[in-house]
């Protein structure tokens, strides 16, 4: 999607998130591809093996190729080479949302709540926030289109008064569609809208890149500790609807091991084994409390999350006023 904007002068691949399938797009748009590692080598790309000893030479070549790509792109798009001192044309000037709020962590989340998790706990207990959904992972074209499942699922969840946390490539789509701005409050249910307005935070919170997905677990642990409950008891669900990379598999396994319900819109490569499918979808409920859910439709996934969160709330005694231990959670 980014390549098709005409803004890209050079594609440099090292290892992470080197997505196959972009070669014909680069070829059509005359975008040169450089690969710094043979594990990332793509068709029609130049292999430029990186070594620390030649880092300055390699860096200079990358810069030179990018400048050449800029000149070629200008000529291709506008029919003329850039004049001396001419500023780069920003064809994406109207894209994105400047007022997006990003860069949260478990610490800044607590700070935004006034230094304590109690406002969040109070909102969950009162039902103004039913629960929390982490929408994380990658983006690809397979699950309804680039970021489509991610964005539409987030919209459905905040409409149901479910707060959304995000980390990874999902953040890009959610941010670009305005869900990380205060304007998105208007898309929320009445309860979540009230809380977000009072706290001055959007209904979809950005926890950072894929390597920060684990920090959402730290926020969940802090919440569980405050409530004196185990992680699987929390009204928390996780979705990696458009997972793609190996790291996403590791994060998904981590979530299931911690006891969280995990939704995927693309089935993992386990369907050849009935045993593996049964363990992941049913058996884990008694082992860790986790559960793998495969759902290819946005509305059905959101509804399933809503039902699970209601079950978790009932288990904690939030809605009935009494939990399994006989004490009100609040």
C-alpha atoms as a PDB file:
ATOM      1  CA  UNK A   1       0.000   0.000   0.000  1.00  0.00           C
ATOM      2  CA  UNK A   2       2.857   2.384   0.797  1.00  0.00           C
ATOM      3  CA  UNK A   3       4.684   1.574  -2.434  1.00  0.00           C
ATOM      4  CA  UNK A   4       1.617   2.465  -4.479  1.00  0.00           C
ATOM      5  CA  UNK A   5       1.645   6.041  -3.142  1.00  0.00           C
ATOM      6  CA  UNK A   6       4.653   6.845  -5.318  1.00  0.00           C
ATOM      7  CA  UNK A   7       6.525   8.219  -2.276  1.00  0.00           C
ATOM      8  CA  UNK A   8       9.123   5.453  -1.981  1.00  0.00           C
ATOM      9  CA  UNK A   9      12.572   5.854  -3.544  1.00  0.00           C
ATOM     10  CA  UNK A  10      14.245   2.640  -2.368  1.00  0.00           C
ATOM     11  CA  UNK A  11      13.314  -0.579  -0.577  1.00  0.00           C
ATOM     12  CA  UNK A  12      16.014  -1.846   1.794  1.00  0.00           C
ATOM     13  CA  UNK A  13      15.437  -5.258   3.359  1.00  0.00           C
ATOM     14  CA  UNK A  14      17.335  -6.696   6.286  1.00  0.00           C
ATOM     15  CA  UNK A  15      15.229  -9.401   7.928  1.00  0.00           C
ATOM     16  CA  UNK A  16      12.169  -8.381   9.900  1.00  0.00           C
ATOM     17  CA  UNK A  17       8.849  -7.968   8.041  1.00  0.00           C
ATOM     18  CA  UNK A  18      10.372  -8.473   4.600  1.00  0.00           C
ATOM     19  CA  UNK A  19       7.103  -9.312   2.891  1.00  0.00           C
ATOM     20  CA  UNK A  20       7.139 -11.389  -0.306  1.00  0.00           C
ATOM     21  CA  UNK A  21       4.941 -10.238  -3.149  1.00  0.00           C
ATOM     22  CA  UNK A  22       6.105  -6.621  -3.452  1.00  0.00           C
ATOM     23  CA  UNK A  23       8.567  -7.399  -6.270  1.00  0.00           C
ATOM     24  CA  UNK A  24       6.184  -6.799  -9.192  1.00  0.00           C
ATOM     25  CA  UNK A  25       5.003  -3.533  -7.639  1.00  0.00           C
ATOM     26  CA  UNK A  26       8.575  -2.312  -7.262  1.00  0.00           C
ATOM     27  CA  UNK A  27       9.337  -3.368 -10.829  1.00  0.00           C
ATOM     28  CA  UNK A  28       6.317  -1.542 -12.244  1.00  0.00           C
ATOM     29  CA  UNK A  29       7.118   1.644 -10.320  1.00  0.00           C
ATOM     30  CA  UNK A  30      10.890   1.433 -10.960  1.00  0.00           C
ATOM     31  CA  UNK A  31      11.703   1.219  -7.247  1.00  0.00           C
ATOM     32  CA  UNK A  32      15.080  -0.411  -6.639  1.00  0.00           C
ATOM     33  CA  UNK A  33      15.311  -3.145  -3.997  1.00  0.00           C
ATOM     34  CA  UNK A  34      18.425  -3.733  -1.878  1.00  0.00           C
ATOM     35  CA  UNK A  35      18.775  -6.756   0.413  1.00  0.00           C
ATOM     36  CA  UNK A  36      21.358  -6.634   3.199  1.00  0.00           C
ATOM     37  CA  UNK A  37      20.993 -10.296   4.176  1.00  0.00           C
ATOM     38  CA  UNK A  38      20.520 -13.367   1.996  1.00  0.00           C
ATOM     39  CA  UNK A  39      17.586 -14.474   4.166  1.00  0.00           C
ATOM     40  CA  UNK A  40      15.742 -11.419   2.813  1.00  0.00           C
ATOM     41  CA  UNK A  41      16.838 -11.785  -0.825  1.00  0.00           C
ATOM     42  CA  UNK A  42      13.941 -11.221  -3.206  1.00  0.00           C
ATOM     43  CA  UNK A  43      13.597 -11.709  -6.944  1.00  0.00           C
ATOM     44  CA  UNK A  44      15.014  -8.824  -9.019  1.00  0.00           C
ATOM     45  CA  UNK A  45      16.660  -7.312  -5.930  1.00  0.00           C
ATOM     46  CA  UNK A  46      20.347  -6.507  -5.505  1.00  0.00           C
ATOM     47  CA  UNK A  47      22.072  -8.407  -2.716  1.00  0.00           C
ATOM     48  CA  UNK A  48      24.334  -6.093  -0.724  1.00  0.00           C
ATOM     49  CA  UNK A  49      25.620  -8.208   2.200  1.00  0.00           C
ATOM     50  CA  UNK A  50      26.157  -6.092   5.279  1.00  0.00           C
ATOM     51  CA  UNK A  51      29.403  -6.293   7.217  1.00  0.00           C
ATOM     52  CA  UNK A  52      30.535  -4.064  10.057  1.00  0.00           C
ATOM     53  CA  UNK A  53      33.897  -3.535   8.303  1.00  0.00           C
ATOM     54  CA  UNK A  54      32.231  -2.012   5.228  1.00  0.00           C
ATOM     55  CA  UNK A  55      29.360  -0.225   6.955  1.00  0.00           C
ATOM     56  CA  UNK A  56      30.353   3.243   5.699  1.00  0.00           C
ATOM     57  CA  UNK A  57      30.709   2.063   2.088  1.00  0.00           C
ATOM     58  CA  UNK A  58      27.384   0.198   2.259  1.00  0.00           C
ATOM     59  CA  UNK A  59      25.625   3.173   3.844  1.00  0.00           C
ATOM     60  CA  UNK A  60      26.950   5.498   1.144  1.00  0.00           C
ATOM     61  CA  UNK A  61      25.665   3.183  -1.586  1.00  0.00           C
ATOM     62  CA  UNK A  62      22.202   3.029   0.034  1.00  0.00           C
ATOM     63  CA  UNK A  63      22.039   6.823   0.196  1.00  0.00           C
ATOM     64  CA  UNK A  64      23.238   7.171  -3.399  1.00  0.00           C
ATOM     65  CA  UNK A  65      20.651   4.654  -4.631  1.00  0.00           C
ATOM     66  CA  UNK A  66      17.902   6.462  -2.711  1.00  0.00           C
ATOM     67  CA  UNK A  67      18.870   9.812  -4.252  1.00  0.00           C
ATOM     68  CA  UNK A  68      18.871   8.228  -7.693  1.00  0.00           C
ATOM     69  CA  UNK A  69      15.460   6.732  -6.965  1.00  0.00           C
ATOM     70  CA  UNK A  70      14.157  10.163  -5.921  1.00  0.00           C
ATOM     71  CA  UNK A  71      15.313  11.702  -9.193  1.00  0.00           C
ATOM     72  CA  UNK A  72      13.770   8.892 -11.241  1.00  0.00           C
ATOM     73  CA  UNK A  73      10.521   9.075  -9.307  1.00  0.00           C
ATOM     74  CA  UNK A  74      10.223  12.824  -9.890  1.00  0.00           C
ATOM     75  CA  UNK A  75      10.758  12.359 -13.598  1.00  0.00           C
ATOM     76  CA  UNK A  76       8.280   9.476 -13.761  1.00  0.00           C
ATOM     77  CA  UNK A  77       5.562  11.256 -11.796  1.00  0.00           C
ATOM     78  CA  UNK A  78       5.962  14.842 -12.969  1.00  0.00           C
ATOM     79  CA  UNK A  79       7.846  14.559 -16.261  1.00  0.00           C
ATOM     80  CA  UNK A  80      10.811  16.601 -15.072  1.00  0.00           C
ATOM     81  CA  UNK A  81      13.866  16.221 -12.892  1.00  0.00           C
ATOM     82  CA  UNK A  82      13.808  18.192  -9.609  1.00  0.00           C
ATOM     83  CA  UNK A  83      15.352  21.637  -9.927  1.00  0.00           C
ATOM     84  CA  UNK A  84      18.256  22.558  -7.690  1.00  0.00           C
ATOM     85  CA  UNK A  85      16.946  23.326  -4.213  1.00  0.00           C
ATOM     86  CA  UNK A  86      13.444  22.102  -5.053  1.00  0.00           C
ATOM     87  CA  UNK A  87      11.568  20.643  -2.113  1.00  0.00           C
ATOM     88  CA  UNK A  88      10.310  17.083  -2.226  1.00  0.00           C
ATOM     89  CA  UNK A  89       6.653  16.796  -3.233  1.00  0.00           C
ATOM     90  CA  UNK A  90       4.651  15.315  -0.376  1.00  0.00           C
ATOM     91  CA  UNK A  91       1.840  13.423  -2.078  1.00  0.00           C
ATOM     92  CA  UNK A  92       0.691  12.144   1.343  1.00  0.00           C
ATOM     93  CA  UNK A  93       0.036  15.588   2.834  1.00  0.00           C
ATOM     94  CA  UNK A  94      -3.647  14.835   3.424  1.00  0.00           C
ATOM     95  CA  UNK A  95      -3.025  11.342   4.805  1.00  0.00           C
ATOM     96  CA  UNK A  96      -3.171  10.354   8.478  1.00  0.00           C
ATOM     97  CA  UNK A  97      -4.224  12.148  11.657  1.00  0.00           C
ATOM     98  CA  UNK A  98      -1.917  14.699  13.250  1.00  0.00           C
ATOM     99  CA  UNK A  99      -3.772  14.603  16.575  1.00  0.00           C
ATOM    100  CA  UNK A 100      -3.191  10.898  17.242  1.00  0.00           C
ATOM    101  CA  UNK A 101      -2.060  10.047  20.768  1.00  0.00           C
ATOM    102  CA  UNK A 102       0.726   7.444  20.734  1.00  0.00           C
ATOM    103  CA  UNK A 103       3.543   6.025  22.800  1.00  0.00           C
ATOM    104  CA  UNK A 104       1.793   4.605  25.846  1.00  0.00           C
ATOM    105  CA  UNK A 105       3.201   1.959  28.186  1.00  0.00           C
ATOM    106  CA  UNK A 106       2.054   0.327  31.395  1.00  0.00           C
ATOM    107  CA  UNK A 107       3.641   3.254  33.277  1.00  0.00           C
ATOM    108  CA  UNK A 108       2.180   6.082  31.192  1.00  0.00           C
ATOM    109  CA  UNK A 109      -1.221   4.386  31.263  1.00  0.00           C
ATOM    110  CA  UNK A 110      -1.178   4.547  35.048  1.00  0.00           C
ATOM    111  CA  UNK A 111       0.047   8.145  34.878  1.00  0.00           C
ATOM    112  CA  UNK A 112      -2.834   9.040  32.532  1.00  0.00           C
ATOM    113  CA  UNK A 113      -5.208   7.566  35.103  1.00  0.00           C
ATOM    114  CA  UNK A 114      -3.843   9.869  37.804  1.00  0.00           C
ATOM    115  CA  UNK A 115      -1.124   7.602  39.211  1.00  0.00           C
ATOM    116  CA  UNK A 116      -3.336   4.641  40.065  1.00  0.00           C
ATOM    117  CA  UNK A 117      -5.340   1.959  38.280  1.00  0.00           C
ATOM    118  CA  UNK A 118      -8.352   2.677  40.453  1.00  0.00           C
ATOM    119  CA  UNK A 119     -10.183   4.859  37.872  1.00  0.00           C
ATOM    120  CA  UNK A 120      -9.919   2.012  35.355  1.00  0.00           C
ATOM    121  CA  UNK A 121     -11.049  -0.536  37.940  1.00  0.00           C
ATOM    122  CA  UNK A 122     -13.974   1.655  38.953  1.00  0.00           C
ATOM    123  CA  UNK A 123     -14.990   2.060  35.290  1.00  0.00           C
ATOM    124  CA  UNK A 124     -14.853  -1.709  34.736  1.00  0.00           C
ATOM    125  CA  UNK A 125     -16.770  -2.496  37.922  1.00  0.00           C
ATOM    126  CA  UNK A 126     -19.462   0.051  37.043  1.00  0.00           C
ATOM    127  CA  UNK A 127     -19.764  -1.412  33.547  1.00  0.00           C
ATOM    128  CA  UNK A 128     -18.911   1.848  31.796  1.00  0.00           C
ATOM    129  CA  UNK A 129     -15.959  -0.114  30.446  1.00  0.00           C
ATOM    130  CA  UNK A 130     -17.027  -3.729  29.980  1.00  0.00           C
ATOM    131  CA  UNK A 131     -13.500  -5.018  29.460  1.00  0.00           C
ATOM    132  CA  UNK A 132     -10.290  -4.634  27.511  1.00  0.00           C
ATOM    133  CA  UNK A 133      -9.289  -5.986  24.110  1.00  0.00           C
ATOM    134  CA  UNK A 134      -5.717  -6.037  22.834  1.00  0.00           C
ATOM    135  CA  UNK A 135      -5.642  -5.886  19.022  1.00  0.00           C
ATOM    136  CA  UNK A 136      -2.046  -6.580  18.048  1.00  0.00           C
ATOM    137  CA  UNK A 137       0.262  -8.033  15.440  1.00  0.00           C
ATOM    138  CA  UNK A 138       0.746  -7.621  11.721  1.00  0.00           C
ATOM    139  CA  UNK A 139      -1.114  -6.326   8.689  1.00  0.00           C
ATOM    140  CA  UNK A 140      -1.643  -8.080   5.379  1.00  0.00           C
ATOM    141  CA  UNK A 141      -4.029  -8.287   2.451  1.00  0.00           C
ATOM    142  CA  UNK A 142      -5.569 -11.660   3.300  1.00  0.00           C
ATOM    143  CA  UNK A 143      -8.096 -10.852   6.050  1.00  0.00           C
ATOM    144  CA  UNK A 144     -10.500  -8.619   4.096  1.00  0.00           C
ATOM    145  CA  UNK A 145      -7.688  -6.294   2.947  1.00  0.00           C
ATOM    146  CA  UNK A 146      -4.825  -4.295   4.429  1.00  0.00           C
ATOM    147  CA  UNK A 147      -5.798  -3.348   8.029  1.00  0.00           C
ATOM    148  CA  UNK A 148      -9.513  -3.770   7.205  1.00  0.00           C
ATOM    149  CA  UNK A 149     -10.267  -6.467   9.791  1.00  0.00           C
ATOM    150  CA  UNK A 150      -8.176  -4.659  12.408  1.00  0.00           C
ATOM    151  CA  UNK A 151      -9.895  -1.299  11.987  1.00  0.00           C
ATOM    152  CA  UNK A 152     -13.440  -2.641  11.707  1.00  0.00           C
ATOM    153  CA  UNK A 153     -12.997  -4.917  14.739  1.00  0.00           C
ATOM    154  CA  UNK A 154     -11.741  -2.000  16.838  1.00  0.00           C
ATOM    155  CA  UNK A 155     -14.756   0.087  15.802  1.00  0.00           C
ATOM    156  CA  UNK A 156     -17.166  -2.691  16.792  1.00  0.00           C
ATOM    157  CA  UNK A 157     -15.476  -3.214  20.160  1.00  0.00           C
ATOM    158  CA  UNK A 158     -15.414   0.426  21.249  1.00  0.00           C
ATOM    159  CA  UNK A 159     -19.066   0.629  20.202  1.00  0.00           C
ATOM    160  CA  UNK A 160     -19.662  -2.130  22.770  1.00  0.00           C
ATOM    161  CA  UNK A 161     -17.818  -0.159  25.517  1.00  0.00           C
ATOM    162  CA  UNK A 162     -14.684  -2.307  25.265  1.00  0.00           C
ATOM    163  CA  UNK A 163     -11.412  -0.376  25.599  1.00  0.00           C
ATOM    164  CA  UNK A 164      -8.825  -1.307  22.932  1.00  0.00           C
ATOM    165  CA  UNK A 165      -5.062  -1.480  23.374  1.00  0.00           C
ATOM    166  CA  UNK A 166      -2.832  -1.996  20.345  1.00  0.00           C
ATOM    167  CA  UNK A 167       0.806  -2.740  19.571  1.00  0.00           C
ATOM    168  CA  UNK A 168       2.581  -3.727  16.392  1.00  0.00           C
ATOM    169  CA  UNK A 169       1.701  -2.987  12.774  1.00  0.00           C
ATOM    170  CA  UNK A 170      -1.979  -2.843  13.758  1.00  0.00           C
ATOM    171  CA  UNK A 171      -1.235   0.574  15.265  1.00  0.00           C
ATOM    172  CA  UNK A 172      -0.555   2.026  11.818  1.00  0.00           C
ATOM    173  CA  UNK A 173      -4.004   1.262  10.449  1.00  0.00           C
ATOM    174  CA  UNK A 174      -5.796   2.233  13.642  1.00  0.00           C
ATOM    175  CA  UNK A 175      -3.878   5.513  13.825  1.00  0.00           C
ATOM    176  CA  UNK A 176      -4.330   6.391  10.155  1.00  0.00           C
ATOM    177  CA  UNK A 177      -8.087   5.875  10.461  1.00  0.00           C
ATOM    178  CA  UNK A 178      -8.329   8.288  13.386  1.00  0.00           C
ATOM    179  CA  UNK A 179      -9.121   5.765  16.124  1.00  0.00           C
ATOM    180  CA  UNK A 180      -6.251   7.052  18.272  1.00  0.00           C
ATOM    181  CA  UNK A 181      -7.630  10.593  18.393  1.00  0.00           C
ATOM    182  CA  UNK A 182     -10.208  12.120  20.690  1.00  0.00           C
ATOM    183  CA  UNK A 183     -12.544  12.373  17.694  1.00  0.00           C
ATOM    184  CA  UNK A 184     -12.957   8.577  17.883  1.00  0.00           C
ATOM    185  CA  UNK A 185     -14.792   9.020  21.196  1.00  0.00           C
ATOM    186  CA  UNK A 186     -17.914   9.720  19.131  1.00  0.00           C
ATOM    187  CA  UNK A 187     -17.790   6.122  17.859  1.00  0.00           C
ATOM    188  CA  UNK A 188     -17.920   4.681  21.396  1.00  0.00           C
ATOM    189  CA  UNK A 189     -20.774   3.356  23.466  1.00  0.00           C
ATOM    190  CA  UNK A 190     -22.062   5.803  26.070  1.00  0.00           C
ATOM    191  CA  UNK A 191     -20.056   4.300  28.940  1.00  0.00           C
ATOM    192  CA  UNK A 192     -16.673   4.267  27.214  1.00  0.00           C
ATOM    193  CA  UNK A 193     -17.377   7.688  25.735  1.00  0.00           C
ATOM    194  CA  UNK A 194     -17.915   9.121  29.229  1.00  0.00           C
ATOM    195  CA  UNK A 195     -14.691   7.616  30.601  1.00  0.00           C
ATOM    196  CA  UNK A 196     -12.513   8.623  27.638  1.00  0.00           C
ATOM    197  CA  UNK A 197     -13.879  12.159  27.709  1.00  0.00           C
ATOM    198  CA  UNK A 198     -13.271  12.477  31.446  1.00  0.00           C
ATOM    199  CA  UNK A 199      -9.700  11.138  31.214  1.00  0.00           C
ATOM    200  CA  UNK A 200      -8.831  12.848  27.926  1.00  0.00           C
ATOM    201  CA  UNK A 201      -7.703   9.637  26.235  1.00  0.00           C
ATOM    202  CA  UNK A 202      -8.859   8.029  22.958  1.00  0.00           C
ATOM    203  CA  UNK A 203     -10.686   4.671  23.030  1.00  0.00           C
ATOM    204  CA  UNK A 204      -7.805   2.945  21.197  1.00  0.00           C
ATOM    205  CA  UNK A 205      -4.441   3.223  22.971  1.00  0.00           C
ATOM    206  CA  UNK A 206      -1.097   2.822  21.204  1.00  0.00           C
ATOM    207  CA  UNK A 207       1.455   0.724  23.110  1.00  0.00           C
ATOM    208  CA  UNK A 208       4.079   0.898  20.356  1.00  0.00           C
ATOM    209  CA  UNK A 209       5.760  -1.569  17.956  1.00  0.00           C
ATOM    210  CA  UNK A 210       5.514  -5.355  17.863  1.00  0.00           C
ATOM    211  CA  UNK A 211       8.321  -5.693  20.402  1.00  0.00           C
ATOM    212  CA  UNK A 212       6.097  -3.821  22.879  1.00  0.00           C
ATOM    213  CA  UNK A 213       3.247  -6.343  22.741  1.00  0.00           C
ATOM    214  CA  UNK A 214       4.632  -7.934  25.905  1.00  0.00           C
ATOM    215  CA  UNK A 215       4.169  -4.625  27.705  1.00  0.00           C
ATOM    216  CA  UNK A 216       0.413  -5.059  27.417  1.00  0.00           C
ATOM    217  CA  UNK A 217       0.861  -8.207  29.510  1.00  0.00           C
ATOM    218  CA  UNK A 218       2.628  -6.062  32.120  1.00  0.00           C
ATOM    219  CA  UNK A 219      -0.393  -3.755  32.227  1.00  0.00           C
ATOM    220  CA  UNK A 220      -2.676  -6.800  32.624  1.00  0.00           C
ATOM    221  CA  UNK A 221      -0.479  -8.130  35.437  1.00  0.00           C
ATOM    222  CA  UNK A 222      -0.681  -4.813  37.241  1.00  0.00           C
ATOM    223  CA  UNK A 223      -4.473  -4.879  36.933  1.00  0.00           C
ATOM    224  CA  UNK A 224      -4.683  -8.495  38.148  1.00  0.00           C
ATOM    225  CA  UNK A 225      -2.424  -7.712  41.102  1.00  0.00           C
ATOM    226  CA  UNK A 226      -4.564  -4.724  42.059  1.00  0.00           C
ATOM    227  CA  UNK A 227      -7.711  -6.880  41.941  1.00  0.00           C
ATOM    228  CA  UNK A 228      -5.989  -9.893  43.562  1.00  0.00           C
ATOM    229  CA  UNK A 229      -7.121 -12.248  40.789  1.00  0.00           C
ATOM    230  CA  UNK A 230      -5.353 -14.501  38.262  1.00  0.00           C
ATOM    231  CA  UNK A 231      -4.815 -13.352  34.662  1.00  0.00           C
ATOM    232  CA  UNK A 232      -7.397 -15.736  33.091  1.00  0.00           C
ATOM    233  CA  UNK A 233     -10.079 -14.198  35.327  1.00  0.00           C
ATOM    234  CA  UNK A 234      -9.682 -10.716  33.885  1.00  0.00           C
ATOM    235  CA  UNK A 235     -12.240  -9.402  31.353  1.00  0.00           C
ATOM    236  CA  UNK A 236      -9.422  -9.195  28.819  1.00  0.00           C
ATOM    237  CA  UNK A 237      -9.342 -10.661  25.304  1.00  0.00           C
ATOM    238  CA  UNK A 238      -6.682 -10.610  22.594  1.00  0.00           C
ATOM    239  CA  UNK A 239      -6.892 -10.525  18.808  1.00  0.00           C
ATOM    240  CA  UNK A 240      -4.152 -10.767  16.184  1.00  0.00           C
ATOM    241  CA  UNK A 241      -6.542 -10.776  13.214  1.00  0.00           C
ATOM    242  CA  UNK A 242      -3.984 -10.289  10.464  1.00  0.00           C
ATOM    243  CA  UNK A 243      -0.948 -12.077  11.927  1.00  0.00           C
ATOM    244  CA  UNK A 244       1.900 -12.761   9.525  1.00  0.00           C
ATOM    245  CA  UNK A 245       5.383 -12.848  11.070  1.00  0.00           C
ATOM    246  CA  UNK A 246       7.089 -15.501  13.196  1.00  0.00           C
ATOM    247  CA  UNK A 247       7.125 -13.038  16.086  1.00  0.00           C
ATOM    248  CA  UNK A 248       3.330 -12.990  15.977  1.00  0.00           C
ATOM    249  CA  UNK A 249       3.285 -16.752  16.505  1.00  0.00           C
ATOM    250  CA  UNK A 250       5.481 -16.350  19.572  1.00  0.00           C
ATOM    251  CA  UNK A 251       3.241 -13.598  20.962  1.00  0.00           C
ATOM    252  CA  UNK A 252       0.141 -15.696  20.308  1.00  0.00           C
ATOM    253  CA  UNK A 253       1.583 -18.714  22.095  1.00  0.00           C
ATOM    254  CA  UNK A 254       2.545 -16.427  24.987  1.00  0.00           C
ATOM    255  CA  UNK A 255      -1.014 -15.108  25.251  1.00  0.00           C
ATOM    256  CA  UNK A 256      -2.472 -18.627  25.303  1.00  0.00           C
ATOM    257  CA  UNK A 257       0.062 -19.727  27.920  1.00  0.00           C
ATOM    258  CA  UNK A 258      -0.953 -16.803  30.128  1.00  0.00           C
ATOM    259  CA  UNK A 259      -4.594 -17.918  29.869  1.00  0.00           C
ATOM    260  CA  UNK A 260      -6.087 -15.279  27.567  1.00  0.00           C
ATOM    261  CA  UNK A 261      -8.659 -15.947  24.823  1.00  0.00           C
ATOM    262  CA  UNK A 262      -6.856 -15.353  21.513  1.00  0.00           C
ATOM    263  CA  UNK A 263      -8.685 -14.581  18.269  1.00  0.00           C
ATOM    264  CA  UNK A 264      -7.207 -14.976  14.800  1.00  0.00           C
ATOM    265  CA  UNK A 265      -8.916 -14.185  11.502  1.00  0.00           C
ATOM    266  CA  UNK A 266      -6.399 -16.378   9.658  1.00  0.00           C
ATOM    267  CA  UNK A 267      -5.987 -19.973  10.769  1.00  0.00           C
ATOM    268  CA  UNK A 268      -2.514 -20.996  11.990  1.00  0.00           C
ATOM    269  CA  UNK A 269      -0.775 -23.967  10.401  1.00  0.00           C
ATOM    270  CA  UNK A 270      -2.149 -26.582  12.791  1.00  0.00           C
ATOM    271  CA  UNK A 271      -5.280 -27.808  11.015  1.00  0.00           C
ATOM    272  CA  UNK A 272      -3.531 -30.978   9.829  1.00  0.00           C
ATOM    273  CA  UNK A 273      -3.570 -32.274  13.394  1.00  0.00           C
ATOM    274  CA  UNK A 274      -6.944 -32.843  15.118  1.00  0.00           C
ATOM    275  CA  UNK A 275      -5.058 -33.202  18.407  1.00  0.00           C
ATOM    276  CA  UNK A 276      -3.382 -29.785  18.069  1.00  0.00           C
ATOM    277  CA  UNK A 277      -6.668 -28.157  17.050  1.00  0.00           C
ATOM    278  CA  UNK A 278      -8.513 -29.664  20.012  1.00  0.00           C
ATOM    279  CA  UNK A 279      -5.810 -28.680  22.491  1.00  0.00           C
ATOM    280  CA  UNK A 280      -5.660 -25.091  21.260  1.00  0.00           C
ATOM    281  CA  UNK A 281      -9.422 -24.519  20.955  1.00  0.00           C
ATOM    282  CA  UNK A 282     -10.700 -26.556  23.915  1.00  0.00           C
ATOM    283  CA  UNK A 283      -8.008 -28.300  25.952  1.00  0.00           C
ATOM    284  CA  UNK A 284      -6.200 -25.128  26.992  1.00  0.00           C
ATOM    285  CA  UNK A 285      -9.283 -23.961  28.880  1.00  0.00           C
ATOM    286  CA  UNK A 286      -8.466 -26.505  31.594  1.00  0.00           C
ATOM    287  CA  UNK A 287      -4.678 -26.140  31.296  1.00  0.00           C
ATOM    288  CA  UNK A 288      -4.010 -22.394  31.293  1.00  0.00           C
ATOM    289  CA  UNK A 289      -7.448 -20.863  30.844  1.00  0.00           C
ATOM    290  CA  UNK A 290      -6.562 -19.807  27.305  1.00  0.00           C
ATOM    291  CA  UNK A 291      -8.504 -20.536  24.138  1.00  0.00           C
ATOM    292  CA  UNK A 292      -7.786 -20.154  20.429  1.00  0.00           C
ATOM    293  CA  UNK A 293     -10.692 -18.702  18.459  1.00  0.00           C
ATOM    294  CA  UNK A 294     -10.735 -18.649  14.652  1.00  0.00           C
ATOM    295  CA  UNK A 295     -13.325 -16.250  13.262  1.00  0.00           C
ATOM    296  CA  UNK A 296     -13.192 -14.768   9.774  1.00  0.00           C
ATOM    297  CA  UNK A 297     -16.066 -12.278  10.179  1.00  0.00           C
ATOM    298  CA  UNK A 298     -15.688  -8.996  12.064  1.00  0.00           C
ATOM    299  CA  UNK A 299     -19.176  -8.837  13.601  1.00  0.00           C
ATOM    300  CA  UNK A 300     -19.025 -12.444  14.790  1.00  0.00           C
ATOM    301  CA  UNK A 301     -15.586 -11.914  16.354  1.00  0.00           C
ATOM    302  CA  UNK A 302     -16.757  -8.774  18.180  1.00  0.00           C
ATOM    303  CA  UNK A 303     -19.862 -10.587  19.434  1.00  0.00           C
ATOM    304  CA  UNK A 304     -17.750 -13.520  20.673  1.00  0.00           C
ATOM    305  CA  UNK A 305     -15.487 -11.114  22.554  1.00  0.00           C
ATOM    306  CA  UNK A 306     -18.512  -9.426  24.106  1.00  0.00           C
ATOM    307  CA  UNK A 307     -19.825 -12.792  25.314  1.00  0.00           C
ATOM    308  CA  UNK A 308     -16.453 -13.839  26.757  1.00  0.00           C
ATOM    309  CA  UNK A 309     -16.064 -10.543  28.602  1.00  0.00           C
ATOM    310  CA  UNK A 310     -19.559 -10.919  30.069  1.00  0.00           C
ATOM    311  CA  UNK A 311     -18.610 -14.410  31.278  1.00  0.00           C
ATOM    312  CA  UNK A 312     -15.417 -13.062  32.866  1.00  0.00           C
ATOM    313  CA  UNK A 313     -17.359 -10.272  34.563  1.00  0.00           C
ATOM    314  CA  UNK A 314     -19.867 -12.758  35.927  1.00  0.00           C
ATOM    315  CA  UNK A 315     -17.015 -14.926  37.205  1.00  0.00           C
ATOM    316  CA  UNK A 316     -15.601 -11.958  39.089  1.00  0.00           C
ATOM    317  CA  UNK A 317     -19.020 -11.086  40.481  1.00  0.00           C
ATOM    318  CA  UNK A 318     -18.895  -7.637  38.923  1.00  0.00           C
ATOM    319  CA  UNK A 319     -22.362  -7.711  37.426  1.00  0.00           C
ATOM    320  CA  UNK A 320     -23.956  -9.787  40.206  1.00  0.00           C
ATOM    321  CA  UNK A 321     -22.089  -8.059  43.010  1.00  0.00           C
ATOM    322  CA  UNK A 322     -20.475 -11.249  44.379  1.00  0.00           C
ATOM    323  CA  UNK A 323     -17.487 -13.168  43.036  1.00  0.00           C
ATOM    324  CA  UNK A 324     -16.731 -16.861  43.431  1.00  0.00           C
ATOM    325  CA  UNK A 325     -14.935 -16.229  46.684  1.00  0.00           C
ATOM    326  CA  UNK A 326     -18.006 -14.565  48.149  1.00  0.00           C
ATOM    327  CA  UNK A 327     -16.703 -10.990  48.120  1.00  0.00           C
ATOM    328  CA  UNK A 328     -17.602  -8.157  45.820  1.00  0.00           C
ATOM    329  CA  UNK A 329     -14.623  -7.404  43.543  1.00  0.00           C
ATOM    330  CA  UNK A 330     -14.891  -3.689  44.323  1.00  0.00           C
END
